[in-house]
Amino acid sequence: MPRYLSVPERLGVFGLGVGAAAAAWPATVSATGVALPCPLRWLTGVPCPACGLTTASVALVRGDVAGSVAANPAVLALAALALVVGPLLGLRAIGALPPPVPWSQRARRHLGWGLGLLALANWACQLNRLGIG
């Protein structure tokens, strides 16, 4: 069975979904008054690596890049993937690009370590920003 999306493409599609949700989120909260807290921070007081991603996404959708980066710098990587994946998927849909080639086990391991280190660095930024630790 062919793979239709690579891992970076899946992250980009996730980024597109985050962007769409960020555009609708402020109106939803205003209309309903319901906001969802971060479960980890609510239970333990410790923010997760994705803490501030909603705030960062909403700020980025509104064009406030500095506020977005201040809330969670990882949003820029997610936004970059989202911008690239749209045209890429369009080109695949019309047959201009072939399906993704599976990565080697070594490449997947390196990507996993790289993403893990980026998540840890982002978490350290969040802990520092919030004065925890």
C-alpha atoms as a PDB file:
ATOM      1  CA  MET A   1       0.000   0.000   0.000  1.00  0.00           C
ATOM      2  CA  PRO A   2       1.491   3.395  -0.934  1.00  0.00           C
ATOM      3  CA  ARG A   3       2.022   6.086   1.654  1.00  0.00           C
ATOM      4  CA  TYR A   4       0.110   9.206   0.815  1.00  0.00           C
ATOM      5  CA  LEU A   5       1.748  11.563   3.314  1.00  0.00           C
ATOM      6  CA  SER A   6       5.199  11.624   4.839  1.00  0.00           C
ATOM      7  CA  VAL A   7       5.671  12.578   8.492  1.00  0.00           C
ATOM      8  CA  PRO A   8       6.629  16.206   7.686  1.00  0.00           C
ATOM      9  CA  GLU A   9       3.576  16.413   5.423  1.00  0.00           C
ATOM     10  CA  ARG A  10       1.363  15.067   8.210  1.00  0.00           C
ATOM     11  CA  LEU A  11       2.772  17.737  10.514  1.00  0.00           C
ATOM     12  CA  GLY A  12       2.061  20.322   7.823  1.00  0.00           C
ATOM     13  CA  VAL A  13      -1.538  19.133   7.509  1.00  0.00           C
ATOM     14  CA  PHE A  14      -1.770  19.382  11.308  1.00  0.00           C
ATOM     15  CA  GLY A  15      -0.436  22.941  10.974  1.00  0.00           C
ATOM     16  CA  LEU A  16      -3.145  23.757   8.429  1.00  0.00           C
ATOM     17  CA  GLY A  17      -5.729  22.476  10.896  1.00  0.00           C
ATOM     18  CA  VAL A  18      -4.175  24.536  13.704  1.00  0.00           C
ATOM     19  CA  GLY A  19      -4.303  27.620  11.482  1.00  0.00           C
ATOM     20  CA  ALA A  20      -7.973  27.053  10.672  1.00  0.00           C
ATOM     21  CA  ALA A  21      -8.784  26.470  14.337  1.00  0.00           C
ATOM     22  CA  ALA A  22      -6.807  29.574  15.340  1.00  0.00           C
ATOM     23  CA  ALA A  23      -8.871  31.661  12.953  1.00  0.00           C
ATOM     24  CA  ALA A  24     -12.128  30.354  14.466  1.00  0.00           C
ATOM     25  CA  TRP A  25     -11.031  30.085  18.114  1.00  0.00           C
ATOM     26  CA  PRO A  26     -11.471  33.724  19.266  1.00  0.00           C
ATOM     27  CA  ALA A  27     -15.017  33.905  17.902  1.00  0.00           C
ATOM     28  CA  THR A  28     -15.885  30.550  19.476  1.00  0.00           C
ATOM     29  CA  VAL A  29     -14.577  31.596  22.892  1.00  0.00           C
ATOM     30  CA  SER A  30     -16.371  34.946  22.656  1.00  0.00           C
ATOM     31  CA  ALA A  31     -19.668  33.318  21.701  1.00  0.00           C
ATOM     32  CA  THR A  32     -19.583  30.441  24.189  1.00  0.00           C
ATOM     33  CA  GLY A  33     -17.311  31.687  26.972  1.00  0.00           C
ATOM     34  CA  VAL A  34     -15.710  28.244  27.013  1.00  0.00           C
ATOM     35  CA  ALA A  35     -11.934  27.972  26.893  1.00  0.00           C
ATOM     36  CA  LEU A  36      -9.969  24.751  27.269  1.00  0.00           C
ATOM     37  CA  PRO A  37      -7.098  24.785  29.758  1.00  0.00           C
ATOM     38  CA  CYS A  38      -3.921  22.777  29.226  1.00  0.00           C
ATOM     39  CA  PRO A  39      -4.555  19.510  31.118  1.00  0.00           C
ATOM     40  CA  LEU A  40      -0.923  19.067  32.233  1.00  0.00           C
ATOM     41  CA  ARG A  41      -0.631  22.616  33.495  1.00  0.00           C
ATOM     42  CA  TRP A  42      -4.052  22.454  35.141  1.00  0.00           C
ATOM     43  CA  LEU A  43      -3.165  19.226  36.985  1.00  0.00           C
ATOM     44  CA  THR A  44       0.493  19.880  37.851  1.00  0.00           C
ATOM     45  CA  GLY A  45       1.170  23.580  37.330  1.00  0.00           C
ATOM     46  CA  VAL A  46       3.927  22.656  34.867  1.00  0.00           C
ATOM     47  CA  PRO A  47       3.444  23.709  31.239  1.00  0.00           C
ATOM     48  CA  CYS A  48       3.855  21.182  28.456  1.00  0.00           C
ATOM     49  CA  PRO A  49       6.164  21.807  25.449  1.00  0.00           C
ATOM     50  CA  ALA A  50       3.124  22.903  23.445  1.00  0.00           C
ATOM     51  CA  CYS A  51       2.017  25.375  26.123  1.00  0.00           C
ATOM     52  CA  GLY A  52       1.075  28.654  24.482  1.00  0.00           C
ATOM     53  CA  LEU A  53       0.515  27.096  21.057  1.00  0.00           C
ATOM     54  CA  THR A  54      -3.110  28.258  20.931  1.00  0.00           C
ATOM     55  CA  THR A  55      -2.113  31.812  21.868  1.00  0.00           C
ATOM     56  CA  ALA A  56       0.792  31.709  19.404  1.00  0.00           C
ATOM     57  CA  SER A  57      -1.407  30.383  16.594  1.00  0.00           C
ATOM     58  CA  VAL A  58      -4.101  32.994  17.131  1.00  0.00           C
ATOM     59  CA  ALA A  59      -1.466  35.757  17.234  1.00  0.00           C
ATOM     60  CA  LEU A  60       0.163  34.457  14.037  1.00  0.00           C
ATOM     61  CA  VAL A  61      -3.166  34.262  12.196  1.00  0.00           C
ATOM     62  CA  ARG A  62      -3.797  37.874  13.229  1.00  0.00           C
ATOM     63  CA  GLY A  63      -0.347  38.894  11.915  1.00  0.00           C
ATOM     64  CA  ASP A  64       1.348  39.437  15.289  1.00  0.00           C
ATOM     65  CA  VAL A  65       4.578  37.516  14.637  1.00  0.00           C
ATOM     66  CA  ALA A  66       6.420  38.902  17.689  1.00  0.00           C
ATOM     67  CA  GLY A  67       3.552  37.991  20.024  1.00  0.00           C
ATOM     68  CA  SER A  68       3.309  34.608  18.402  1.00  0.00           C
ATOM     69  CA  VAL A  69       6.997  33.829  18.922  1.00  0.00           C
ATOM     70  CA  ALA A  70       6.803  35.121  22.501  1.00  0.00           C
ATOM     71  CA  ALA A  71       3.938  32.725  23.262  1.00  0.00           C
ATOM     72  CA  ASN A  72       5.538  29.641  21.647  1.00  0.00           C
ATOM     73  CA  PRO A  73       8.438  29.793  19.176  1.00  0.00           C
ATOM     74  CA  ALA A  74       7.620  26.345  17.757  1.00  0.00           C
ATOM     75  CA  VAL A  75       4.613  27.836  15.974  1.00  0.00           C
ATOM     76  CA  LEU A  76       6.919  29.223  13.261  1.00  0.00           C
ATOM     77  CA  ALA A  77       8.141  25.739  12.309  1.00  0.00           C
ATOM     78  CA  LEU A  78       4.573  24.476  12.235  1.00  0.00           C
ATOM     79  CA  ALA A  79       3.484  27.442  10.111  1.00  0.00           C
ATOM     80  CA  ALA A  80       6.378  26.898   7.690  1.00  0.00           C
ATOM     81  CA  LEU A  81       5.397  23.256   7.227  1.00  0.00           C
ATOM     82  CA  ALA A  82       1.781  24.285   6.706  1.00  0.00           C
ATOM     83  CA  LEU A  83       2.768  26.782   3.996  1.00  0.00           C
ATOM     84  CA  VAL A  84       4.835  24.192   2.146  1.00  0.00           C
ATOM     85  CA  VAL A  85       2.455  21.265   2.422  1.00  0.00           C
ATOM     86  CA  GLY A  86      -0.505  22.917   0.647  1.00  0.00           C
ATOM     87  CA  PRO A  87       1.180  23.340  -2.750  1.00  0.00           C
ATOM     88  CA  LEU A  88       2.995  20.021  -2.308  1.00  0.00           C
ATOM     89  CA  LEU A  89      -0.245  18.125  -1.826  1.00  0.00           C
ATOM     90  CA  GLY A  90      -1.771  19.998  -4.757  1.00  0.00           C
ATOM     91  CA  LEU A  91       1.104  18.937  -7.005  1.00  0.00           C
ATOM     92  CA  ARG A  92       0.742  15.342  -5.820  1.00  0.00           C
ATOM     93  CA  ALA A  93      -3.009  15.426  -6.482  1.00  0.00           C
ATOM     94  CA  ILE A  94      -2.512  16.415 -10.130  1.00  0.00           C
ATOM     95  CA  GLY A  95       0.269  13.845 -10.571  1.00  0.00           C
ATOM     96  CA  ALA A  96       3.132  16.328 -10.952  1.00  0.00           C
ATOM     97  CA  LEU A  97       4.954  14.787  -7.974  1.00  0.00           C
ATOM     98  CA  PRO A  98       5.232  11.115  -7.027  1.00  0.00           C
ATOM     99  CA  PRO A  99       4.166   9.785  -3.608  1.00  0.00           C
ATOM    100  CA  PRO A 100       6.731  10.146  -0.824  1.00  0.00           C
ATOM    101  CA  VAL A 101       9.561   7.645  -0.646  1.00  0.00           C
ATOM    102  CA  PRO A 102       9.860   5.875   2.722  1.00  0.00           C
ATOM    103  CA  TRP A 103      12.775   7.114   4.803  1.00  0.00           C
ATOM    104  CA  SER A 104      15.478   4.770   6.017  1.00  0.00           C
ATOM    105  CA  GLN A 105      15.411   3.637   9.622  1.00  0.00           C
ATOM    106  CA  ARG A 106      18.494   5.790  10.278  1.00  0.00           C
ATOM    107  CA  ALA A 107      16.855   8.899   8.820  1.00  0.00           C
ATOM    108  CA  ARG A 108      13.711   8.300  10.902  1.00  0.00           C
ATOM    109  CA  ARG A 109      15.808   7.875  14.036  1.00  0.00           C
ATOM    110  CA  HIS A 110      17.686  11.119  13.314  1.00  0.00           C
ATOM    111  CA  LEU A 111      14.416  12.954  12.709  1.00  0.00           C
ATOM    112  CA  GLY A 112      12.999  11.577  15.955  1.00  0.00           C
ATOM    113  CA  TRP A 113      16.045  12.712  17.933  1.00  0.00           C
ATOM    114  CA  GLY A 114      16.000  16.114  16.247  1.00  0.00           C
ATOM    115  CA  LEU A 115      12.301  16.665  16.952  1.00  0.00           C
ATOM    116  CA  GLY A 116      12.770  15.456  20.514  1.00  0.00           C
ATOM    117  CA  LEU A 117      15.624  17.911  21.082  1.00  0.00           C
ATOM    118  CA  LEU A 118      13.596  20.729  19.553  1.00  0.00           C
ATOM    119  CA  ALA A 119      10.667  19.844  21.839  1.00  0.00           C
ATOM    120  CA  LEU A 120      12.985  19.914  24.872  1.00  0.00           C
ATOM    121  CA  ALA A 121      14.443  23.272  23.807  1.00  0.00           C
ATOM    122  CA  ASN A 122      10.934  24.646  23.285  1.00  0.00           C
ATOM    123  CA  TRP A 123       9.894  23.328  26.695  1.00  0.00           C
ATOM    124  CA  ALA A 124      12.922  25.025  28.293  1.00  0.00           C
ATOM    125  CA  CYS A 125      11.826  28.285  26.622  1.00  0.00           C
ATOM    126  CA  GLN A 126       8.309  27.847  27.970  1.00  0.00           C
ATOM    127  CA  LEU A 127       9.536  27.097  31.501  1.00  0.00           C
ATOM    128  CA  ASN A 128      11.810  30.150  31.382  1.00  0.00           C
ATOM    129  CA  ARG A 129       9.074  32.377  29.965  1.00  0.00           C
ATOM    130  CA  LEU A 130       6.666  31.351  32.701  1.00  0.00           C
ATOM    131  CA  GLY A 131       9.295  31.594  35.466  1.00  0.00           C
ATOM    132  CA  ILE A 132       9.165  27.910  36.386  1.00  0.00           C
ATOM    133  CA  GLY A 133      12.330  26.029  37.246  1.00  0.00           C
END
